[in-house]
Each structure stands twice: as structure tokens, then as C-alpha cells.
PDB file of N, CA and C in Angstrom:
ATOM      1  N   UNK A   1      43.407 -91.636  44.856  1.00  0.00           N
ATOM      2  CA  UNK A   1      43.034 -91.929  43.726  1.00  0.00           C
ATOM      3  C   UNK A   1      43.650 -91.824  42.025  1.00  0.00           C
ATOM      4  N   UNK A   2      44.049 -92.804  41.107  1.00  0.00           N
ATOM      5  CA  UNK A   2      44.325 -92.367  40.272  1.00  0.00           C
ATOM      6  C   UNK A   2      43.889 -92.320  38.978  1.00  0.00           C
ATOM      7  N   UNK A   3      44.412 -91.461  38.163  1.00  0.00           N
ATOM      8  CA  UNK A   3      43.593 -91.159  36.993  1.00  0.00           C
ATOM      9  C   UNK A   3      42.789 -91.963  36.381  1.00  0.00           C
ATOM     10  N   UNK A   4      43.002 -93.368  36.552  1.00  0.00           N
ATOM     11  CA  UNK A   4      42.655 -94.052  35.477  1.00  0.00           C
ATOM     12  C   UNK A   4      41.297 -94.532  36.288  1.00  0.00           C
ATOM     13  N   UNK A   5      41.074 -94.362  38.009  1.00  0.00           N
ATOM     14  CA  UNK A   5      39.763 -94.927  38.830  1.00  0.00           C
ATOM     15  C   UNK A   5      39.221 -93.711  38.070  1.00  0.00           C
ATOM     16  N   UNK A   6      39.440 -92.324  38.447  1.00  0.00           N
ATOM     17  CA  UNK A   6      38.330 -91.289  38.150  1.00  0.00           C
ATOM     18  C   UNK A   6      37.464 -91.155  37.125  1.00  0.00           C
ATOM     19  N   UNK A   7      38.208 -91.931  35.659  1.00  0.00           N
ATOM     20  CA  UNK A   7      37.841 -91.342  34.181  1.00  0.00           C
ATOM     21  C   UNK A   7      37.132 -92.533  34.646  1.00  0.00           C
ATOM     22  N   UNK A   8      37.110 -94.024  35.419  1.00  0.00           N
ATOM     23  CA  UNK A   8      36.138 -95.116  35.474  1.00  0.00           C
ATOM     24  C   UNK A   8      35.441 -94.221  35.988  1.00  0.00           C
ATOM     25  N   UNK A   9      35.266 -93.606  36.304  1.00  0.00           N
ATOM     26  CA  UNK A   9      34.180 -92.986  37.814  1.00  0.00           C
ATOM     27  C   UNK A   9      33.392 -91.779  37.002  1.00  0.00           C
ATOM     28  N   UNK A  10      33.239 -91.515  36.250  1.00  0.00           N
ATOM     29  CA  UNK A  10      33.147 -90.499  35.576  1.00  0.00           C
ATOM     30  C   UNK A  10      32.073 -91.432  34.737  1.00  0.00           C
ATOM     31  N   UNK A  11      32.412 -92.466  33.888  1.00  0.00           N
ATOM     32  CA  UNK A  11      31.804 -93.022  32.933  1.00  0.00           C
ATOM     33  C   UNK A  11      30.958 -94.075  33.699  1.00  0.00           C
ATOM     34  N   UNK A  12      31.195 -94.458  35.100  1.00  0.00           N
ATOM     35  CA  UNK A  12      30.292 -94.974  36.079  1.00  0.00           C
ATOM     36  C   UNK A  12      29.124 -94.156  36.253  1.00  0.00           C
ATOM     37  N   UNK A  13      29.695 -92.901  36.621  1.00  0.00           N
ATOM     38  CA  UNK A  13      28.359 -92.450  37.180  1.00  0.00           C
ATOM     39  C   UNK A  13      27.446 -91.967  36.056  1.00  0.00           C
ATOM     40  N   UNK A  14      28.133 -91.507  34.748  1.00  0.00           N
ATOM     41  CA  UNK A  14      27.211 -91.058  33.909  1.00  0.00           C
ATOM     42  C   UNK A  14      26.337 -92.433  33.530  1.00  0.00           C
ATOM     43  N   UNK A  15      26.705 -93.654  33.040  1.00  0.00           N
ATOM     44  CA  UNK A  15      25.894 -94.448  32.948  1.00  0.00           C
ATOM     45  C   UNK A  15      25.237 -94.548  33.965  1.00  0.00           C
ATOM     46  N   UNK A  16      24.755 -94.735  35.386  1.00  0.00           N
ATOM     47  CA  UNK A  16      24.527 -94.864  36.327  1.00  0.00           C
ATOM     48  C   UNK A  16      22.880 -93.763  36.473  1.00  0.00           C
ATOM     49  N   UNK A  17      23.478 -92.570  35.708  1.00  0.00           N
ATOM     50  CA  UNK A  17      22.593 -91.334  35.986  1.00  0.00           C
ATOM     51  C   UNK A  17      21.396 -92.068  34.559  1.00  0.00           C
ATOM     52  N   UNK A  18      21.630 -92.355  33.524  1.00  0.00           N
ATOM     53  CA  UNK A  18      21.283 -92.618  32.448  1.00  0.00           C
ATOM     54  C   UNK A  18      20.393 -94.042  32.807  1.00  0.00           C
ATOM     55  N   UNK A  19      20.941 -94.898  33.474  1.00  0.00           N
ATOM     56  CA  UNK A  19      20.494 -96.189  33.880  1.00  0.00           C
ATOM     57  C   UNK A  19      18.782 -95.775  34.872  1.00  0.00           C
ATOM     58  N   UNK A  20      19.123 -95.164  35.810  1.00  0.00           N
ATOM     59  CA  UNK A  20      18.221 -94.092  36.829  1.00  0.00           C
ATOM     60  C   UNK A  20      17.474 -93.450  35.612  1.00  0.00           C
ATOM     61  N   UNK A  21      17.575 -92.917  35.111  1.00  0.00           N
ATOM     62  CA  UNK A  21      16.264 -91.549  34.193  1.00  0.00           C
ATOM     63  C   UNK A  21      15.506 -92.624  33.429  1.00  0.00           C
ATOM     64  N   UNK A  22      16.048 -93.859  32.975  1.00  0.00           N
ATOM     65  CA  UNK A  22      15.240 -94.446  32.315  1.00  0.00           C
ATOM     66  C   UNK A  22      14.473 -95.122  32.544  1.00  0.00           C
ATOM     67  N   UNK A  23      14.702 -95.719  33.609  1.00  0.00           N
ATOM     68  CA  UNK A  23      13.967 -96.854  35.338  1.00  0.00           C
ATOM     69  C   UNK A  23      12.838 -96.028  35.767  1.00  0.00           C
ATOM     70  N   UNK A  24      13.109 -94.482  35.753  1.00  0.00           N
ATOM     71  CA  UNK A  24      11.748 -93.984  36.065  1.00  0.00           C
ATOM     72  C   UNK A  24      11.340 -92.487  35.503  1.00  0.00           C
ATOM     73  N   UNK A  25      12.006 -92.810  34.292  1.00  0.00           N
ATOM     74  CA  UNK A  25      11.025 -92.331  32.397  1.00  0.00           C
ATOM     75  C   UNK A  25       9.242 -92.354  32.550  1.00  0.00           C
ATOM     76  N   UNK A  26       9.110 -93.969  32.855  1.00  0.00           N
ATOM     77  CA  UNK A  26       7.996 -94.150  32.621  1.00  0.00           C
ATOM     78  C   UNK A  26       7.067 -93.464  33.841  1.00  0.00           C
ATOM     79  N   UNK A  27       6.986 -92.930  34.687  1.00  0.00           N
ATOM     80  CA  UNK A  27       6.158 -92.262  35.335  1.00  0.00           C
ATOM     81  C   UNK A  27       6.724 -91.725  36.127  1.00  0.00           C
ATOM     82  N   UNK A  28       6.420 -89.465  35.437  1.00  0.00           N
ATOM     83  CA  UNK A  28       7.016 -88.478  36.195  1.00  0.00           C
ATOM     84  C   UNK A  28       6.399 -88.440  37.340  1.00  0.00           C
ATOM     85  N   UNK A  29       5.249 -88.624  37.644  1.00  0.00           N
ATOM     86  CA  UNK A  29       4.748 -88.415  39.537  1.00  0.00           C
ATOM     87  C   UNK A  29       4.880 -89.049  40.088  1.00  0.00           C
ATOM     88  N   UNK A  30       6.172 -90.309  39.866  1.00  0.00           N
ATOM     89  CA  UNK A  30       6.869 -90.438  41.311  1.00  0.00           C
ATOM     90  C   UNK A  30       8.078 -89.788  41.091  1.00  0.00           C
ATOM     91  N   UNK A  31       8.186 -89.291  40.523  1.00  0.00           N
ATOM     92  CA  UNK A  31       9.929 -88.533  40.564  1.00  0.00           C
ATOM     93  C   UNK A  31       9.908 -87.732  41.246  1.00  0.00           C
ATOM     94  N   UNK A  32      10.756 -87.317  42.105  1.00  0.00           N
ATOM     95  CA  UNK A  32      11.169 -86.343  42.780  1.00  0.00           C
ATOM     96  C   UNK A  32      12.230 -85.605  42.606  1.00  0.00           C
ATOM     97  N   UNK A  33      11.876 -84.495  42.548  1.00  0.00           N
ATOM     98  CA  UNK A  33      13.077 -83.600  41.948  1.00  0.00           C
ATOM     99  C   UNK A  33      14.155 -82.545  42.996  1.00  0.00           C
ATOM    100  N   UNK A  34      15.055 -82.528  42.507  1.00  0.00           N
ATOM    101  CA  UNK A  34      15.674 -81.558  43.091  1.00  0.00           C
ATOM    102  C   UNK A  34      16.962 -81.175  42.338  1.00  0.00           C
ATOM    103  N   UNK A  35      17.609 -79.863  42.877  1.00  0.00           N
ATOM    104  CA  UNK A  35      17.871 -78.705  41.761  1.00  0.00           C
ATOM    105  C   UNK A  35      19.967 -79.051  42.715  1.00  0.00           C
ATOM    106  N   UNK A  36      20.448 -79.310  41.337  1.00  0.00           N
ATOM    107  CA  UNK A  36      21.598 -79.427  41.315  1.00  0.00           C
ATOM    108  C   UNK A  36      22.182 -77.933  42.255  1.00  0.00           C
ATOM    109  N   UNK A  37      21.668 -77.299  41.851  1.00  0.00           N
ATOM    110  CA  UNK A  37      22.635 -76.041  42.567  1.00  0.00           C
ATOM    111  C   UNK A  37      22.316 -75.910  43.764  1.00  0.00           C
ATOM    112  N   UNK A  38      21.016 -76.498  44.255  1.00  0.00           N
ATOM    113  CA  UNK A  38      21.275 -76.145  45.828  1.00  0.00           C
ATOM    114  C   UNK A  38      22.165 -77.244  46.628  1.00  0.00           C
ATOM    115  N   UNK A  39      22.251 -78.252  46.155  1.00  0.00           N
ATOM    116  CA  UNK A  39      23.688 -78.767  46.851  1.00  0.00           C
ATOM    117  C   UNK A  39      24.550 -78.100  47.385  1.00  0.00           C
ATOM    118  N   UNK A  40      24.994 -78.391  49.218  1.00  0.00           N
ATOM    119  CA  UNK A  40      25.929 -77.130  49.735  1.00  0.00           C
ATOM    120  C   UNK A  40      26.723 -78.465  49.488  1.00  0.00           C
ATOM    121  N   UNK A  41      27.873 -78.179  49.536  1.00  0.00           N
ATOM    122  CA  UNK A  41      29.049 -78.011  50.481  1.00  0.00           C
ATOM    123  C   UNK A  41      29.122 -79.275  51.498  1.00  0.00           C
ATOM    124  N   UNK A  42      28.221 -78.893  52.351  1.00  0.00           N
ATOM    125  CA  UNK A  42      27.960 -79.628  53.466  1.00  0.00           C
ATOM    126  C   UNK A  42      27.009 -81.137  53.356  1.00  0.00           C
ATOM    127  N   UNK A  43      26.784 -81.009  52.286  1.00  0.00           N
ATOM    128  CA  UNK A  43      25.429 -81.951  51.788  1.00  0.00           C
ATOM    129  C   UNK A  43      26.956 -83.043  51.252  1.00  0.00           C
ATOM    130  N   UNK A  44      27.680 -82.641  50.562  1.00  0.00           N
ATOM    131  CA  UNK A  44      28.506 -83.481  49.552  1.00  0.00           C
ATOM    132  C   UNK A  44      29.881 -83.976  51.446  1.00  0.00           C
ATOM    133  N   UNK A  45      30.231 -82.945  51.973  1.00  0.00           N
ATOM    134  CA  UNK A  45      30.854 -83.263  53.182  1.00  0.00           C
ATOM    135  C   UNK A  45      31.182 -84.783  54.163  1.00  0.00           C
ATOM    136  N   UNK A  46      29.320 -84.760  54.055  1.00  0.00           N
ATOM    137  CA  UNK A  46      28.703 -85.277  55.412  1.00  0.00           C
ATOM    138  C   UNK A  46      28.447 -86.906  54.328  1.00  0.00           C
ATOM    139  N   UNK A  47      29.059 -86.965  53.361  1.00  0.00           N
ATOM    140  CA  UNK A  47      28.370 -88.397  52.702  1.00  0.00           C
ATOM    141  C   UNK A  47      29.615 -89.254  53.363  1.00  0.00           C
ATOM    142  N   UNK A  48      29.403 -90.803  53.329  1.00  0.00           N
ATOM    143  CA  UNK A  48      30.719 -91.342  53.032  1.00  0.00           C
ATOM    144  C   UNK A  48      32.619 -90.806  52.459  1.00  0.00           C
ATOM    145  N   UNK A  49      33.367 -91.409  53.123  1.00  0.00           N
ATOM    146  CA  UNK A  49      34.378 -91.165  52.069  1.00  0.00           C
ATOM    147  C   UNK A  49      34.395 -91.844  50.593  1.00  0.00           C
ATOM    148  N   UNK A  50      33.541 -92.674  50.422  1.00  0.00           N
ATOM    149  CA  UNK A  50      33.883 -93.566  49.381  1.00  0.00           C
ATOM    150  C   UNK A  50      32.831 -92.803  48.646  1.00  0.00           C
ATOM    151  N   UNK A  51      31.819 -92.341  49.134  1.00  0.00           N
ATOM    152  CA  UNK A  51      30.817 -91.209  48.096  1.00  0.00           C
ATOM    153  C   UNK A  51      31.216 -90.243  47.603  1.00  0.00           C
ATOM    154  N   UNK A  52      31.391 -89.835  48.818  1.00  0.00           N
ATOM    155  CA  UNK A  52      31.837 -88.622  48.102  1.00  0.00           C
ATOM    156  C   UNK A  52      32.434 -88.062  46.476  1.00  0.00           C
ATOM    157  N   UNK A  53      33.702 -88.456  46.332  1.00  0.00           N
ATOM    158  CA  UNK A  53      34.367 -88.765  44.410  1.00  0.00           C
ATOM    159  C   UNK A  53      33.445 -88.598  43.381  1.00  0.00           C
ATOM    160  N   UNK A  54      31.669 -89.382  43.887  1.00  0.00           N
ATOM    161  CA  UNK A  54      31.062 -90.172  43.194  1.00  0.00           C
ATOM    162  C   UNK A  54      30.240 -88.785  43.111  1.00  0.00           C
ATOM    163  N   UNK A  55      29.656 -88.092  44.511  1.00  0.00           N
ATOM    164  CA  UNK A  55      28.321 -86.928  44.162  1.00  0.00           C
ATOM    165  C   UNK A  55      29.913 -85.576  43.431  1.00  0.00           C
ATOM    166  N   UNK A  56      30.699 -85.419  43.271  1.00  0.00           N
ATOM    167  CA  UNK A  56      30.912 -84.593  43.468  1.00  0.00           C
ATOM    168  C   UNK A  56      31.826 -84.773  41.688  1.00  0.00           C
ATOM    169  N   UNK A  57      31.938 -86.280  41.200  1.00  0.00           N
ATOM    170  CA  UNK A  57      31.748 -86.581  39.448  1.00  0.00           C
ATOM    171  C   UNK A  57      30.574 -85.874  38.894  1.00  0.00           C
ATOM    172  N   UNK A  58      29.579 -86.323  39.856  1.00  0.00           N
ATOM    173  CA  UNK A  58      28.145 -86.658  39.412  1.00  0.00           C
ATOM    174  C   UNK A  58      28.123 -84.790  39.059  1.00  0.00           C
ATOM    175  N   UNK A  59      28.142 -83.840  40.009  1.00  0.00           N
ATOM    176  CA  UNK A  59      28.451 -82.524  39.592  1.00  0.00           C
ATOM    177  C   UNK A  59      29.231 -81.916  38.556  1.00  0.00           C
ATOM    178  N   UNK A  60      30.670 -82.783  38.453  1.00  0.00           N
ATOM    179  CA  UNK A  60      31.661 -82.130  37.680  1.00  0.00           C
ATOM    180  C   UNK A  60      30.929 -82.540  36.086  1.00  0.00           C
ATOM    181  N   UNK A  61      30.200 -83.483  36.431  1.00  0.00           N
ATOM    182  CA  UNK A  61      30.131 -84.438  34.461  1.00  0.00           C
ATOM    183  C   UNK A  61      28.678 -83.181  34.028  1.00  0.00           C
ATOM    184  N   UNK A  62      27.642 -82.906  35.271  1.00  0.00           N
ATOM    185  CA  UNK A  62      26.830 -81.786  34.794  1.00  0.00           C
ATOM    186  C   UNK A  62      26.893 -80.489  34.586  1.00  0.00           C
ATOM    187  N   UNK A  63      28.259 -79.894  35.222  1.00  0.00           N
ATOM    188  CA  UNK A  63      29.004 -78.624  34.648  1.00  0.00           C
ATOM    189  C   UNK A  63      29.728 -78.792  33.472  1.00  0.00           C
ATOM    190  N   UNK A  64      30.431 -79.661  33.444  1.00  0.00           N
ATOM    191  CA  UNK A  64      30.997 -79.946  31.769  1.00  0.00           C
ATOM    192  C   UNK A  64      29.927 -80.533  30.215  1.00  0.00           C
ATOM    193  N   UNK A  65      28.740 -80.484  30.870  1.00  0.00           N
ATOM    194  CA  UNK A  65      27.820 -80.632  29.974  1.00  0.00           C
ATOM    195  C   UNK A  65      27.218 -80.129  29.643  1.00  0.00           C
ATOM    196  N   UNK A  66      26.922 -79.139  30.747  1.00  0.00           N
ATOM    197  CA  UNK A  66      26.346 -77.615  30.778  1.00  0.00           C
ATOM    198  C   UNK A  66      26.867 -76.401  29.674  1.00  0.00           C
ATOM    199  N   UNK A  67      28.327 -76.622  30.096  1.00  0.00           N
ATOM    200  CA  UNK A  67      29.422 -75.774  29.294  1.00  0.00           C
ATOM    201  C   UNK A  67      30.179 -76.322  28.464  1.00  0.00           C
ATOM    202  N   UNK A  68      29.237 -77.054  27.098  1.00  0.00           N
ATOM    203  CA  UNK A  68      29.960 -77.691  26.279  1.00  0.00           C
ATOM    204  C   UNK A  68      31.086 -78.049  26.126  1.00  0.00           C
ATOM    205  N   UNK A  69      31.625 -78.816  27.879  1.00  0.00           N
ATOM    206  CA  UNK A  69      33.275 -79.301  27.733  1.00  0.00           C
ATOM    207  C   UNK A  69      33.033 -80.635  27.428  1.00  0.00           C
ATOM    208  N   UNK A  70      33.865 -80.954  26.316  1.00  0.00           N
ATOM    209  CA  UNK A  70      33.768 -82.046  26.100  1.00  0.00           C
ATOM    210  C   UNK A  70      35.057 -83.485  25.830  1.00  0.00           C
ATOM    211  N   UNK A  71      36.108 -82.486  25.856  1.00  0.00           N
ATOM    212  CA  UNK A  71      37.756 -82.935  26.263  1.00  0.00           C
ATOM    213  C   UNK A  71      37.981 -82.788  27.751  1.00  0.00           C
ATOM    214  N   UNK A  72      38.199 -84.186  28.562  1.00  0.00           N
ATOM    215  CA  UNK A  72      38.760 -84.229  29.274  1.00  0.00           C
ATOM    216  C   UNK A  72      39.764 -85.331  29.520  1.00  0.00           C
ATOM    217  N   UNK A  73      40.711 -84.866  30.812  1.00  0.00           N
ATOM    218  CA  UNK A  73      41.420 -86.256  31.310  1.00  0.00           C
ATOM    219  C   UNK A  73      41.592 -86.471  32.588  1.00  0.00           C
ATOM    220  N   UNK A  74      41.836 -87.677  32.770  1.00  0.00           N
ATOM    221  CA  UNK A  74      42.051 -87.723  33.979  1.00  0.00           C
ATOM    222  C   UNK A  74      42.176 -87.316  35.375  1.00  0.00           C
ATOM    223  N   UNK A  75      43.548 -86.244  34.270  1.00  0.00           N
ATOM    224  CA  UNK A  75      44.460 -85.557  35.671  1.00  0.00           C
ATOM    225  C   UNK A  75      43.712 -84.567  35.828  1.00  0.00           C
ATOM    226  N   UNK A  76      43.081 -84.021  34.424  1.00  0.00           N
ATOM    227  CA  UNK A  76      41.880 -82.878  34.837  1.00  0.00           C
ATOM    228  C   UNK A  76      40.938 -83.214  35.885  1.00  0.00           C
ATOM    229  N   UNK A  77      40.378 -84.108  36.092  1.00  0.00           N
ATOM    230  CA  UNK A  77      38.710 -84.246  36.939  1.00  0.00           C
ATOM    231  C   UNK A  77      39.728 -84.973  38.135  1.00  0.00           C
ATOM    232  N   UNK A  78      41.001 -84.957  38.639  1.00  0.00           N
ATOM    233  CA  UNK A  78      41.089 -85.332  39.159  1.00  0.00           C
ATOM    234  C   UNK A  78      41.641 -84.111  40.652  1.00  0.00           C
ATOM    235  N   UNK A  79      42.179 -82.904  39.873  1.00  0.00           N
ATOM    236  CA  UNK A  79      42.684 -82.165  40.452  1.00  0.00           C
ATOM    237  C   UNK A  79      41.359 -80.981  40.537  1.00  0.00           C
ATOM    238  N   UNK A  80      40.094 -81.292  39.400  1.00  0.00           N
ATOM    239  CA  UNK A  80      39.239 -80.664  40.165  1.00  0.00           C
ATOM    240  C   UNK A  80      38.668 -81.116  41.397  1.00  0.00           C
ATOM    241  N   UNK A  81      38.556 -82.095  41.644  1.00  0.00           N
ATOM    242  CA  UNK A  81      37.759 -83.047  42.401  1.00  0.00           C
ATOM    243  C   UNK A  81      37.963 -83.094  43.939  1.00  0.00           C
ATOM    244  N   UNK A  82      39.803 -82.929  43.981  1.00  0.00           N
ATOM    245  CA  UNK A  82      40.605 -82.869  44.733  1.00  0.00           C
ATOM    246  C   UNK A  82      40.473 -81.091  45.464  1.00  0.00           C
ATOM    247  N   UNK A  83      40.395 -80.436  44.906  1.00  0.00           N
ATOM    248  CA  UNK A  83      40.570 -78.838  44.890  1.00  0.00           C
ATOM    249  C   UNK A  83      39.030 -78.573  45.445  1.00  0.00           C
ATOM    250  N   UNK A  84      38.166 -78.975  44.725  1.00  0.00           N
ATOM    251  CA  UNK A  84      36.401 -78.934  45.336  1.00  0.00           C
ATOM    252  C   UNK A  84      36.564 -79.028  46.226  1.00  0.00           C
ATOM    253  N   UNK A  85      36.819 -80.830  47.227  1.00  0.00           N
ATOM    254  CA  UNK A  85      36.411 -81.394  48.428  1.00  0.00           C
ATOM    255  C   UNK A  85      37.358 -80.661  49.060  1.00  0.00           C
ATOM    256  N   UNK A  86      38.684 -79.767  48.688  1.00  0.00           N
ATOM    257  CA  UNK A  86      38.975 -79.155  50.168  1.00  0.00           C
ATOM    258  C   UNK A  86      39.018 -77.572  50.099  1.00  0.00           C
ATOM    259  N   UNK A  87      37.744 -77.185  49.474  1.00  0.00           N
ATOM    260  CA  UNK A  87      37.074 -75.688  48.998  1.00  0.00           C
ATOM    261  C   UNK A  87      35.964 -76.204  50.304  1.00  0.00           C
ATOM    262  N   UNK A  88      35.250 -77.497  49.670  1.00  0.00           N
ATOM    263  CA  UNK A  88      34.534 -77.762  50.455  1.00  0.00           C
ATOM    264  C   UNK A  88      34.523 -78.049  51.712  1.00  0.00           C
ATOM    265  N   UNK A  89      35.398 -78.412  52.456  1.00  0.00           N
ATOM    266  CA  UNK A  89      35.703 -78.779  53.689  1.00  0.00           C
ATOM    267  C   UNK A  89      35.472 -77.913  54.712  1.00  0.00           C
ATOM    268  N   UNK A  90      36.249 -76.539  53.725  1.00  0.00           N
ATOM    269  CA  UNK A  90      36.583 -75.675  54.899  1.00  0.00           C
ATOM    270  C   UNK A  90      34.740 -74.548  54.458  1.00  0.00           C
ATOM    271  N   UNK A  91      34.086 -74.613  53.641  1.00  0.00           N
ATOM    272  CA  UNK A  91      33.234 -73.798  53.275  1.00  0.00           C
ATOM    273  C   UNK A  91      32.020 -74.251  53.117  1.00  0.00           C
ATOM    274  N   UNK A  92      31.435 -75.307  54.243  1.00  0.00           N
ATOM    275  CA  UNK A  92      30.314 -75.835  54.388  1.00  0.00           C
ATOM    276  C   UNK A  92      29.126 -75.348  53.690  1.00  0.00           C
ATOM    277  N   UNK A  93      29.111 -73.944  53.763  1.00  0.00           N
ATOM    278  CA  UNK A  93      28.114 -73.473  53.577  1.00  0.00           C
ATOM    279  C   UNK A  93      27.686 -72.921  52.373  1.00  0.00           C
ATOM    280  N   UNK A  94      28.821 -73.410  50.909  1.00  0.00           N
ATOM    281  CA  UNK A  94      29.011 -73.135  50.018  1.00  0.00           C
ATOM    282  C   UNK A  94      28.182 -73.609  48.769  1.00  0.00           C
ATOM    283  N   UNK A  95      27.605 -73.493  47.955  1.00  0.00           N
ATOM    284  CA  UNK A  95      27.133 -74.632  47.295  1.00  0.00           C
ATOM    285  C   UNK A  95      28.325 -75.169  46.722  1.00  0.00           C
ATOM    286  N   UNK A  96      27.824 -76.476  46.005  1.00  0.00           N
ATOM    287  CA  UNK A  96      29.363 -77.314  45.788  1.00  0.00           C
ATOM    288  C   UNK A  96      29.162 -77.077  44.620  1.00  0.00           C
ATOM    289  N   UNK A  97      28.149 -77.157  43.437  1.00  0.00           N
ATOM    290  CA  UNK A  97      28.016 -76.642  42.333  1.00  0.00           C
ATOM    291  C   UNK A  97      29.066 -74.943  41.667  1.00  0.00           C
ATOM    292  N   UNK A  98      28.880 -74.101  42.754  1.00  0.00           N
ATOM    293  CA  UNK A  98      29.434 -72.732  42.566  1.00  0.00           C
ATOM    294  C   UNK A  98      30.921 -72.775  42.652  1.00  0.00           C
ATOM    295  N   UNK A  99      31.379 -73.655  43.390  1.00  0.00           N
ATOM    296  CA  UNK A  99      32.358 -73.824  43.469  1.00  0.00           C
ATOM    297  C   UNK A  99      33.544 -74.818  42.620  1.00  0.00           C
ATOM    298  N   UNK A 100      32.593 -76.164  42.226  1.00  0.00           N
ATOM    299  CA  UNK A 100      32.966 -76.098  41.247  1.00  0.00           C
ATOM    300  C   UNK A 100      32.948 -75.418  39.337  1.00  0.00           C
ATOM    301  N   UNK A 101      31.904 -74.871  39.374  1.00  0.00           N
ATOM    302  CA  UNK A 101      31.812 -74.091  38.332  1.00  0.00           C
ATOM    303  C   UNK A 101      33.599 -73.086  38.588  1.00  0.00           C
ATOM    304  N   UNK A 102      33.761 -72.310  39.538  1.00  0.00           N
ATOM    305  CA  UNK A 102      34.924 -71.913  39.848  1.00  0.00           C
ATOM    306  C   UNK A 102      36.380 -71.980  39.512  1.00  0.00           C
ATOM    307  N   UNK A 103      36.163 -73.691  39.872  1.00  0.00           N
ATOM    308  CA  UNK A 103      37.179 -74.283  39.398  1.00  0.00           C
ATOM    309  C   UNK A 103      37.631 -74.942  37.725  1.00  0.00           C
ATOM    310  N   UNK A 104      36.291 -75.089  37.644  1.00  0.00           N
ATOM    311  CA  UNK A 104      36.995 -75.351  35.922  1.00  0.00           C
ATOM    312  C   UNK A 104      36.962 -74.445  34.596  1.00  0.00           C
ATOM    313  N   UNK A 105      36.562 -73.143  35.210  1.00  0.00           N
ATOM    314  CA  UNK A 105      36.791 -71.915  34.817  1.00  0.00           C
ATOM    315  C   UNK A 105      38.079 -71.354  34.284  1.00  0.00           C
TER     316      UNK A 105
END
């Protein structure tokens, strides 16, 4: 995937999350909670090849926000996602968030 696609993918993911949060905000009793920290590499790797980058981008965006990283380049995002995918393929029991955190530091 080229840099423009990854940049657009990141923007799309953030927009999609915003819409999803707004759509479910009216009734908190129906929301199903999940913990980003519990998503394993296996959870990522069993996704379709099309969906895998979206999931990794979501985690990358979460960590970037958590770590106050506000300057991104498509090239940097592409490198992080590629490396995370490679590591997750080799270590399916690892936590995906931990893998991405180690890469971006």
C-alpha cells in the first residue's frame, strides 16, 4: 500500500470511530466494552487481509493519541504497520498493542 492510502486509511479509521461513538453514545447500557490492551496478534492475524490494516491502524491511532504523538507521515505509519504485521505473524500470542508500542518508541 502506498503512503497516501495509509494516510487515508488512518483518517477513515478515526472518522469511523467518531461516527460509531456518536451512534452508540445515547444508550450506554447497550455498549459492549473491550480493552485495546487485550487484543492479541492472533486476533489481528485471523482478520482478512483487507481488514488487518484497518485494525492495526486503529491501534496505532490509539497509541499515538495516548502518547501525544500528533505529527505523522504516511511513510512512518506504513513502516509501523508493516513491522507490526510481521511481528504479529511470528508471535500470535503477543498483545498487538504492546508490539506497536515498542515499534513507535
